[in-house]
Amino acid sequence: MATIKELIEQEETILRDIFYTGVEGGIEYWAHINWESYNVKECQVYIWDEDAGKHYQIDTATIKLGLLELNVTYLQFPGYTKAEEGSDVHRLAERVNKYGSYPFPDQGTMFVDEGLTMDGEGIDATYADIIIQFALFGELVYN
């Protein structure tokens, strides 16, 4: 079993990859990205959601929150069928559930395994968009 430090480092790489994919290709159809605020090194950017009339900050913590929301909302509560089986949201939630683990229960957090991005399917712009929307809105608002 990996140490907690190794899991954190592995997870940080995954979260950064999803962040870049979402910001640079996944959310531009609904979010106005403030490119002047884009900090590649720190994985941080501010966006404007014109429909909601709100500003949001996106960073790796946002990505982690989106993954946790997907895991809890769609898989921890049987019978919650807001995402149709076979939909992008449902497929992504199943993958998050498969590759998310709680190896150190006393730490109270889920670690995301590299299988999430390395299982042959990867996290494309569509999936990254879904993750960011779940973090910001708790559901898929734009599609």
N, C-alpha and C. Protein backbone atom coordinates (compact mmCIF):
# COMPACT_ATOMS: atom_id res chain seq x y z
N MET A 1 0.84 -1.18 0.00
CA MET A 1 0.00 0.00 0.00
C MET A 1 0.89 1.24 0.00
N ALA A 2 0.44 2.22 -0.75
CA ALA A 2 1.19 3.48 -0.83
C ALA A 2 1.08 4.26 0.48
N THR A 3 2.06 5.08 0.73
CA THR A 3 1.99 5.95 1.91
C THR A 3 1.03 7.10 1.62
N ILE A 4 0.61 7.78 2.65
CA ILE A 4 -0.29 8.91 2.46
C ILE A 4 0.38 10.00 1.62
N LYS A 5 1.69 10.20 1.81
CA LYS A 5 2.43 11.19 1.02
C LYS A 5 2.41 10.83 -0.46
N GLU A 6 2.63 9.55 -0.77
CA GLU A 6 2.61 9.10 -2.16
C GLU A 6 1.22 9.27 -2.78
N LEU A 7 0.19 8.96 -2.01
CA LEU A 7 -1.17 9.13 -2.51
C LEU A 7 -1.49 10.59 -2.78
N ILE A 8 -1.05 11.47 -1.90
CA ILE A 8 -1.30 12.90 -2.09
C ILE A 8 -0.59 13.40 -3.34
N GLU A 9 0.67 13.00 -3.55
CA GLU A 9 1.42 13.43 -4.73
C GLU A 9 0.78 12.89 -6.00
N GLN A 10 0.38 11.64 -5.99
CA GLN A 10 -0.27 11.04 -7.15
C GLN A 10 -1.58 11.75 -7.44
N GLU A 11 -2.35 11.98 -6.40
CA GLU A 11 -3.64 12.64 -6.58
C GLU A 11 -3.48 14.07 -7.08
N GLU A 12 -2.50 14.79 -6.59
CA GLU A 12 -2.28 16.17 -7.03
C GLU A 12 -2.02 16.23 -8.53
N THR A 13 -1.27 15.28 -9.05
CA THR A 13 -1.02 15.21 -10.50
C THR A 13 -2.32 14.98 -11.25
N ILE A 14 -3.15 14.10 -10.76
CA ILE A 14 -4.44 13.81 -11.40
C ILE A 14 -5.33 15.05 -11.38
N LEU A 15 -5.42 15.71 -10.23
CA LEU A 15 -6.26 16.90 -10.10
C LEU A 15 -5.78 18.02 -11.02
N ARG A 16 -4.48 18.18 -11.13
CA ARG A 16 -3.91 19.20 -12.02
C ARG A 16 -4.26 18.89 -13.48
N ASP A 17 -4.14 17.64 -13.88
CA ASP A 17 -4.47 17.24 -15.25
C ASP A 17 -5.93 17.53 -15.57
N ILE A 18 -6.81 17.21 -14.64
CA ILE A 18 -8.25 17.46 -14.85
C ILE A 18 -8.52 18.96 -14.90
N PHE A 19 -7.85 19.72 -14.03
CA PHE A 19 -8.00 21.18 -14.03
C PHE A 19 -7.64 21.75 -15.40
N TYR A 20 -6.46 21.41 -15.92
CA TYR A 20 -6.01 21.93 -17.21
C TYR A 20 -6.99 21.54 -18.32
N THR A 21 -7.42 20.29 -18.33
CA THR A 21 -8.34 19.82 -19.36
C THR A 21 -9.66 20.58 -19.31
N GLY A 22 -10.17 20.79 -18.10
CA GLY A 22 -11.44 21.50 -17.95
C GLY A 22 -11.36 22.96 -18.34
N VAL A 23 -10.33 23.63 -17.87
CA VAL A 23 -10.20 25.07 -18.13
C VAL A 23 -9.84 25.33 -19.59
N GLU A 24 -8.95 24.54 -20.14
CA GLU A 24 -8.46 24.81 -21.49
C GLU A 24 -9.29 24.17 -22.59
N GLY A 25 -10.31 23.39 -22.23
CA GLY A 25 -11.09 22.78 -23.29
C GLY A 25 -12.49 22.34 -22.93
N GLY A 26 -12.81 22.30 -21.65
CA GLY A 26 -14.09 21.74 -21.25
C GLY A 26 -15.19 22.73 -20.95
N ILE A 27 -14.87 23.87 -20.36
CA ILE A 27 -15.91 24.76 -19.83
C ILE A 27 -16.12 26.03 -20.64
N GLU A 28 -15.34 26.22 -21.68
CA GLU A 28 -15.40 27.50 -22.40
C GLU A 28 -16.74 27.78 -23.06
N TYR A 29 -17.56 26.77 -23.29
CA TYR A 29 -18.84 27.00 -23.95
C TYR A 29 -19.87 27.65 -23.01
N TRP A 30 -19.64 27.59 -21.70
CA TRP A 30 -20.57 28.24 -20.77
C TRP A 30 -19.90 29.23 -19.84
N ALA A 31 -18.59 29.15 -19.68
CA ALA A 31 -17.89 30.03 -18.74
C ALA A 31 -16.98 31.00 -19.48
N HIS A 32 -16.99 32.23 -19.05
CA HIS A 32 -16.04 33.23 -19.55
C HIS A 32 -14.81 33.15 -18.65
N ILE A 33 -13.71 32.70 -19.23
CA ILE A 33 -12.49 32.50 -18.45
C ILE A 33 -11.69 33.80 -18.43
N ASN A 34 -11.33 34.22 -17.25
CA ASN A 34 -10.48 35.39 -17.09
C ASN A 34 -9.03 34.93 -17.26
N TRP A 35 -8.56 34.99 -18.52
CA TRP A 35 -7.23 34.47 -18.82
C TRP A 35 -6.13 35.24 -18.11
N GLU A 36 -6.38 36.49 -17.76
CA GLU A 36 -5.39 37.26 -17.02
C GLU A 36 -5.18 36.71 -15.62
N SER A 37 -6.20 36.04 -15.08
CA SER A 37 -6.09 35.47 -13.74
C SER A 37 -5.55 34.04 -13.76
N TYR A 38 -5.37 33.48 -14.94
CA TYR A 38 -4.98 32.07 -15.08
C TYR A 38 -3.54 31.88 -14.59
N ASN A 39 -3.40 31.13 -13.51
CA ASN A 39 -2.10 30.83 -12.94
C ASN A 39 -1.83 29.35 -13.16
N VAL A 40 -1.06 29.05 -14.20
CA VAL A 40 -0.80 27.66 -14.58
C VAL A 40 -0.07 26.92 -13.47
N LYS A 41 0.92 27.55 -12.89
CA LYS A 41 1.73 26.90 -11.86
C LYS A 41 0.89 26.54 -10.63
N GLU A 42 0.03 27.46 -10.21
CA GLU A 42 -0.80 27.24 -9.01
C GLU A 42 -2.13 26.57 -9.32
N CYS A 43 -2.41 26.34 -10.61
CA CYS A 43 -3.69 25.75 -11.03
C CYS A 43 -4.86 26.56 -10.46
N GLN A 44 -4.95 27.78 -10.87
CA GLN A 44 -6.00 28.65 -10.37
C GLN A 44 -6.45 29.59 -11.48
N VAL A 45 -7.76 29.80 -11.57
CA VAL A 45 -8.32 30.73 -12.55
C VAL A 45 -9.68 31.21 -12.04
N TYR A 46 -10.07 32.40 -12.48
CA TYR A 46 -11.39 32.93 -12.17
C TYR A 46 -12.23 32.90 -13.44
N ILE A 47 -13.49 32.54 -13.25
CA ILE A 47 -14.40 32.50 -14.39
C ILE A 47 -15.66 33.31 -14.07
N TRP A 48 -16.39 33.64 -15.11
CA TRP A 48 -17.66 34.35 -14.98
C TRP A 48 -18.72 33.49 -15.64
N ASP A 49 -19.76 33.15 -14.88
CA ASP A 49 -20.90 32.42 -15.42
C ASP A 49 -21.98 33.46 -15.67
N GLU A 50 -22.13 33.84 -16.93
CA GLU A 50 -23.06 34.91 -17.29
C GLU A 50 -24.51 34.54 -16.95
N ASP A 51 -24.91 33.31 -17.21
CA ASP A 51 -26.28 32.89 -16.92
C ASP A 51 -26.62 33.00 -15.44
N ALA A 52 -25.68 32.62 -14.59
CA ALA A 52 -25.90 32.68 -13.13
C ALA A 52 -25.57 34.06 -12.58
N GLY A 53 -24.81 34.84 -13.35
CA GLY A 53 -24.39 36.16 -12.88
C GLY A 53 -23.42 36.08 -11.72
N LYS A 54 -22.53 35.07 -11.76
CA LYS A 54 -21.60 34.87 -10.65
C LYS A 54 -20.18 34.64 -11.14
N HIS A 55 -19.24 35.04 -10.29
CA HIS A 55 -17.83 34.74 -10.48
C HIS A 55 -17.48 33.51 -9.64
N TYR A 56 -16.58 32.70 -10.16
CA TYR A 56 -16.10 31.53 -9.43
C TYR A 56 -14.59 31.44 -9.57
N GLN A 57 -13.96 30.90 -8.55
CA GLN A 57 -12.55 30.56 -8.61
C GLN A 57 -12.49 29.05 -8.80
N ILE A 58 -11.65 28.62 -9.72
CA ILE A 58 -11.46 27.19 -9.95
C ILE A 58 -9.99 26.87 -9.66
N ASP A 59 -9.79 25.80 -8.89
CA ASP A 59 -8.44 25.31 -8.59
C ASP A 59 -8.53 23.81 -8.37
N THR A 60 -7.45 23.21 -7.90
CA THR A 60 -7.48 21.75 -7.72
C THR A 60 -8.45 21.34 -6.61
N ALA A 61 -8.69 22.20 -5.64
CA ALA A 61 -9.68 21.89 -4.60
C ALA A 61 -11.08 21.81 -5.22
N THR A 62 -11.32 22.64 -6.22
CA THR A 62 -12.60 22.60 -6.94
C THR A 62 -12.76 21.25 -7.63
N ILE A 63 -11.70 20.78 -8.25
CA ILE A 63 -11.73 19.50 -8.95
C ILE A 63 -12.02 18.37 -7.95
N LYS A 64 -11.34 18.40 -6.82
CA LYS A 64 -11.55 17.37 -5.79
C LYS A 64 -13.00 17.39 -5.31
N LEU A 65 -13.54 18.59 -5.08
CA LEU A 65 -14.93 18.71 -4.65
C LEU A 65 -15.87 18.12 -5.69
N GLY A 66 -15.62 18.39 -6.96
CA GLY A 66 -16.46 17.84 -8.02
C GLY A 66 -16.44 16.32 -8.04
N LEU A 67 -15.27 15.73 -7.85
CA LEU A 67 -15.15 14.27 -7.80
C LEU A 67 -15.90 13.71 -6.60
N LEU A 68 -15.78 14.36 -5.45
CA LEU A 68 -16.50 13.91 -4.25
C LEU A 68 -18.01 14.03 -4.45
N GLU A 69 -18.46 15.13 -5.05
CA GLU A 69 -19.89 15.31 -5.32
C GLU A 69 -20.42 14.20 -6.21
N LEU A 70 -19.69 13.88 -7.26
CA LEU A 70 -20.11 12.79 -8.14
C LEU A 70 -20.18 11.46 -7.40
N ASN A 71 -19.17 11.19 -6.61
CA ASN A 71 -19.11 9.93 -5.87
C ASN A 71 -20.27 9.81 -4.89
N VAL A 72 -20.51 10.85 -4.14
CA VAL A 72 -21.58 10.81 -3.13
C VAL A 72 -22.95 10.86 -3.76
N THR A 73 -23.17 11.82 -4.64
CA THR A 73 -24.50 12.04 -5.18
C THR A 73 -25.02 10.87 -5.99
N TYR A 74 -24.19 10.31 -6.84
CA TYR A 74 -24.70 9.30 -7.76
C TYR A 74 -24.45 7.88 -7.36
N LEU A 75 -23.54 7.63 -6.47
CA LEU A 75 -23.24 6.24 -6.17
C LEU A 75 -23.45 5.85 -4.72
N GLN A 76 -23.36 6.77 -3.81
CA GLN A 76 -23.53 6.43 -2.41
C GLN A 76 -25.00 6.32 -2.02
N PHE A 77 -25.88 6.91 -2.83
CA PHE A 77 -27.31 6.88 -2.52
C PHE A 77 -28.07 6.11 -3.59
N PRO A 78 -28.22 4.79 -3.42
CA PRO A 78 -28.97 4.01 -4.40
C PRO A 78 -30.37 4.58 -4.58
N GLY A 79 -30.82 4.58 -5.80
CA GLY A 79 -32.16 5.10 -6.06
C GLY A 79 -32.13 6.55 -6.51
N TYR A 80 -31.01 7.23 -6.32
CA TYR A 80 -30.89 8.61 -6.80
C TYR A 80 -30.54 8.51 -8.27
N THR A 81 -31.52 8.71 -9.12
CA THR A 81 -31.34 8.42 -10.55
C THR A 81 -31.40 9.66 -11.41
N LYS A 82 -30.88 10.75 -10.93
CA LYS A 82 -30.89 11.98 -11.72
C LYS A 82 -30.06 11.82 -12.99
N ALA A 83 -29.00 11.03 -12.93
CA ALA A 83 -28.19 10.76 -14.12
C ALA A 83 -28.64 9.43 -14.72
N GLU A 84 -29.04 9.48 -15.97
CA GLU A 84 -29.48 8.26 -16.64
C GLU A 84 -28.31 7.30 -16.78
N GLU A 85 -28.61 6.02 -16.59
CA GLU A 85 -27.59 5.02 -16.76
C GLU A 85 -27.09 5.08 -18.20
N GLY A 86 -25.78 5.06 -18.38
CA GLY A 86 -25.19 5.16 -19.70
C GLY A 86 -24.84 6.58 -20.11
N SER A 87 -25.32 7.58 -19.35
CA SER A 87 -24.99 8.97 -19.66
C SER A 87 -23.54 9.26 -19.28
N ASP A 88 -23.01 10.36 -19.79
CA ASP A 88 -21.63 10.74 -19.43
C ASP A 88 -21.47 10.89 -17.93
N VAL A 89 -22.46 11.51 -17.27
CA VAL A 89 -22.38 11.72 -15.82
C VAL A 89 -22.34 10.38 -15.10
N HIS A 90 -23.20 9.46 -15.49
CA HIS A 90 -23.25 8.15 -14.83
C HIS A 90 -21.96 7.37 -15.06
N ARG A 91 -21.45 7.37 -16.30
CA ARG A 91 -20.19 6.65 -16.58
C ARG A 91 -19.03 7.24 -15.77
N LEU A 92 -18.98 8.58 -15.72
CA LEU A 92 -17.91 9.22 -14.96
C LEU A 92 -18.05 8.91 -13.47
N ALA A 93 -19.26 8.97 -12.93
CA ALA A 93 -19.48 8.66 -11.52
C ALA A 93 -19.05 7.23 -11.19
N GLU A 94 -19.34 6.30 -12.07
CA GLU A 94 -18.91 4.92 -11.84
C GLU A 94 -17.39 4.82 -11.79
N ARG A 95 -16.71 5.56 -12.66
CA ARG A 95 -15.24 5.55 -12.66
C ARG A 95 -14.69 6.18 -11.39
N VAL A 96 -15.29 7.29 -10.96
CA VAL A 96 -14.84 7.93 -9.72
C VAL A 96 -15.00 6.97 -8.56
N ASN A 97 -16.13 6.27 -8.53
CA ASN A 97 -16.36 5.30 -7.46
C ASN A 97 -15.35 4.16 -7.53
N LYS A 98 -15.01 3.73 -8.72
CA LYS A 98 -14.06 2.62 -8.88
C LYS A 98 -12.65 3.02 -8.45
N TYR A 99 -12.23 4.24 -8.79
CA TYR A 99 -10.85 4.65 -8.54
C TYR A 99 -10.67 5.55 -7.32
N GLY A 100 -11.75 5.89 -6.65
CA GLY A 100 -11.64 6.64 -5.40
C GLY A 100 -11.57 5.65 -4.24
N SER A 101 -10.75 5.94 -3.28
CA SER A 101 -10.63 5.02 -2.15
C SER A 101 -10.41 5.80 -0.86
N TYR A 102 -10.62 5.12 0.22
CA TYR A 102 -10.43 5.69 1.55
C TYR A 102 -9.44 4.82 2.32
N PRO A 103 -8.16 4.81 1.88
CA PRO A 103 -7.19 3.90 2.50
C PRO A 103 -6.82 4.26 3.93
N PHE A 104 -7.03 5.52 4.29
CA PHE A 104 -6.72 5.96 5.64
C PHE A 104 -7.99 6.59 6.22
N PRO A 105 -8.93 5.78 6.72
CA PRO A 105 -10.22 6.30 7.18
C PRO A 105 -10.11 7.44 8.19
N ASP A 106 -9.08 7.40 9.03
CA ASP A 106 -8.94 8.45 10.03
C ASP A 106 -8.59 9.81 9.41
N GLN A 107 -8.17 9.82 8.14
CA GLN A 107 -7.86 11.08 7.46
C GLN A 107 -9.13 11.75 6.94
N GLY A 108 -10.20 10.97 6.79
CA GLY A 108 -11.49 11.54 6.40
C GLY A 108 -11.54 12.10 5.00
N THR A 109 -10.75 11.57 4.08
CA THR A 109 -10.80 12.07 2.71
C THR A 109 -10.67 10.93 1.72
N MET A 110 -11.14 11.18 0.53
CA MET A 110 -11.02 10.21 -0.55
C MET A 110 -9.77 10.53 -1.35
N PHE A 111 -9.00 9.52 -1.68
CA PHE A 111 -7.87 9.68 -2.57
C PHE A 111 -8.27 9.11 -3.93
N VAL A 112 -7.90 9.81 -4.98
CA VAL A 112 -8.23 9.37 -6.33
C VAL A 112 -7.03 8.65 -6.92
N ASP A 113 -7.24 7.41 -7.35
CA ASP A 113 -6.19 6.59 -7.91
C ASP A 113 -5.90 7.01 -9.35
N GLU A 114 -4.66 6.80 -9.79
CA GLU A 114 -4.28 7.17 -11.15
C GLU A 114 -5.08 6.41 -12.21
N GLY A 115 -5.72 5.33 -11.84
CA GLY A 115 -6.56 4.60 -12.79
C GLY A 115 -7.66 5.47 -13.39
N LEU A 116 -8.08 6.49 -12.66
CA LEU A 116 -9.13 7.40 -13.15
C LEU A 116 -8.72 8.04 -14.47
N THR A 117 -7.46 8.39 -14.59
CA THR A 117 -7.00 9.04 -15.82
C THR A 117 -6.18 8.12 -16.71
N MET A 118 -5.85 6.93 -16.23
CA MET A 118 -4.96 6.05 -16.98
C MET A 118 -5.62 4.74 -17.38
N ASP A 119 -6.94 4.64 -17.28
CA ASP A 119 -7.60 3.36 -17.52
C ASP A 119 -7.95 3.11 -18.97
N GLY A 120 -7.38 3.86 -19.88
CA GLY A 120 -7.65 3.68 -21.29
C GLY A 120 -8.64 4.70 -21.81
N GLU A 121 -9.53 5.16 -20.96
CA GLU A 121 -10.51 6.15 -21.38
C GLU A 121 -10.05 7.56 -21.05
N GLY A 122 -9.38 7.71 -19.93
CA GLY A 122 -8.88 9.02 -19.54
C GLY A 122 -10.00 9.98 -19.16
N ILE A 123 -9.61 11.19 -18.84
CA ILE A 123 -10.56 12.26 -18.53
C ILE A 123 -10.46 13.27 -19.66
N ASP A 124 -11.47 13.29 -20.51
CA ASP A 124 -11.46 14.23 -21.61
C ASP A 124 -12.15 15.53 -21.20
N ALA A 125 -12.29 16.46 -22.13
CA ALA A 125 -12.87 17.77 -21.83
C ALA A 125 -14.31 17.64 -21.33
N THR A 126 -15.07 16.71 -21.86
CA THR A 126 -16.46 16.52 -21.41
C THR A 126 -16.50 16.11 -19.95
N TYR A 127 -15.68 15.14 -19.57
CA TYR A 127 -15.65 14.69 -18.18
C TYR A 127 -15.13 15.79 -17.25
N ALA A 128 -14.10 16.50 -17.68
CA ALA A 128 -13.57 17.59 -16.86
C ALA A 128 -14.64 18.67 -16.64
N ASP A 129 -15.40 18.96 -17.66
CA ASP A 129 -16.50 19.92 -17.56
C ASP A 129 -17.53 19.45 -16.53
N ILE A 130 -17.90 18.19 -16.58
CA ILE A 130 -18.87 17.63 -15.64
C ILE A 130 -18.34 17.77 -14.20
N ILE A 131 -17.07 17.45 -14.00
CA ILE A 131 -16.47 17.53 -12.67
C ILE A 131 -16.54 18.96 -12.14
N ILE A 132 -16.20 19.93 -12.97
CA ILE A 132 -16.23 21.33 -12.54
C ILE A 132 -17.65 21.78 -12.25
N GLN A 133 -18.61 21.40 -13.09
CA GLN A 133 -20.00 21.78 -12.84
C GLN A 133 -20.53 21.18 -11.54
N PHE A 134 -20.16 19.94 -11.25
CA PHE A 134 -20.60 19.34 -9.98
C PHE A 134 -20.00 20.06 -8.79
N ALA A 135 -18.77 20.52 -8.93
CA ALA A 135 -18.14 21.26 -7.84
C ALA A 135 -18.85 22.60 -7.62
N LEU A 136 -19.19 23.30 -8.69
CA LEU A 136 -19.76 24.63 -8.57
C LEU A 136 -21.27 24.62 -8.31
N PHE A 137 -21.99 23.68 -8.94
CA PHE A 137 -23.46 23.71 -8.89
C PHE A 137 -24.09 22.48 -8.23
N GLY A 138 -23.31 21.43 -7.98
CA GLY A 138 -23.85 20.21 -7.39
C GLY A 138 -24.60 19.34 -8.37
N GLU A 139 -24.58 19.73 -9.65
CA GLU A 139 -25.26 18.96 -10.69
C GLU A 139 -24.78 19.46 -12.04
N LEU A 140 -25.22 18.77 -13.09
CA LEU A 140 -24.89 19.18 -14.44
C LEU A 140 -25.91 20.22 -14.90
N VAL A 141 -25.46 21.45 -15.07
CA VAL A 141 -26.34 22.56 -15.46
C VAL A 141 -26.27 22.78 -16.96
N TYR A 142 -25.07 22.75 -17.51
CA TYR A 142 -24.86 23.00 -18.93
C TYR A 142 -24.40 21.72 -19.60
N ASN A 143 -24.94 21.44 -20.79
CA ASN A 143 -24.44 20.27 -21.53
C ASN A 143 -24.62 20.46 -23.01
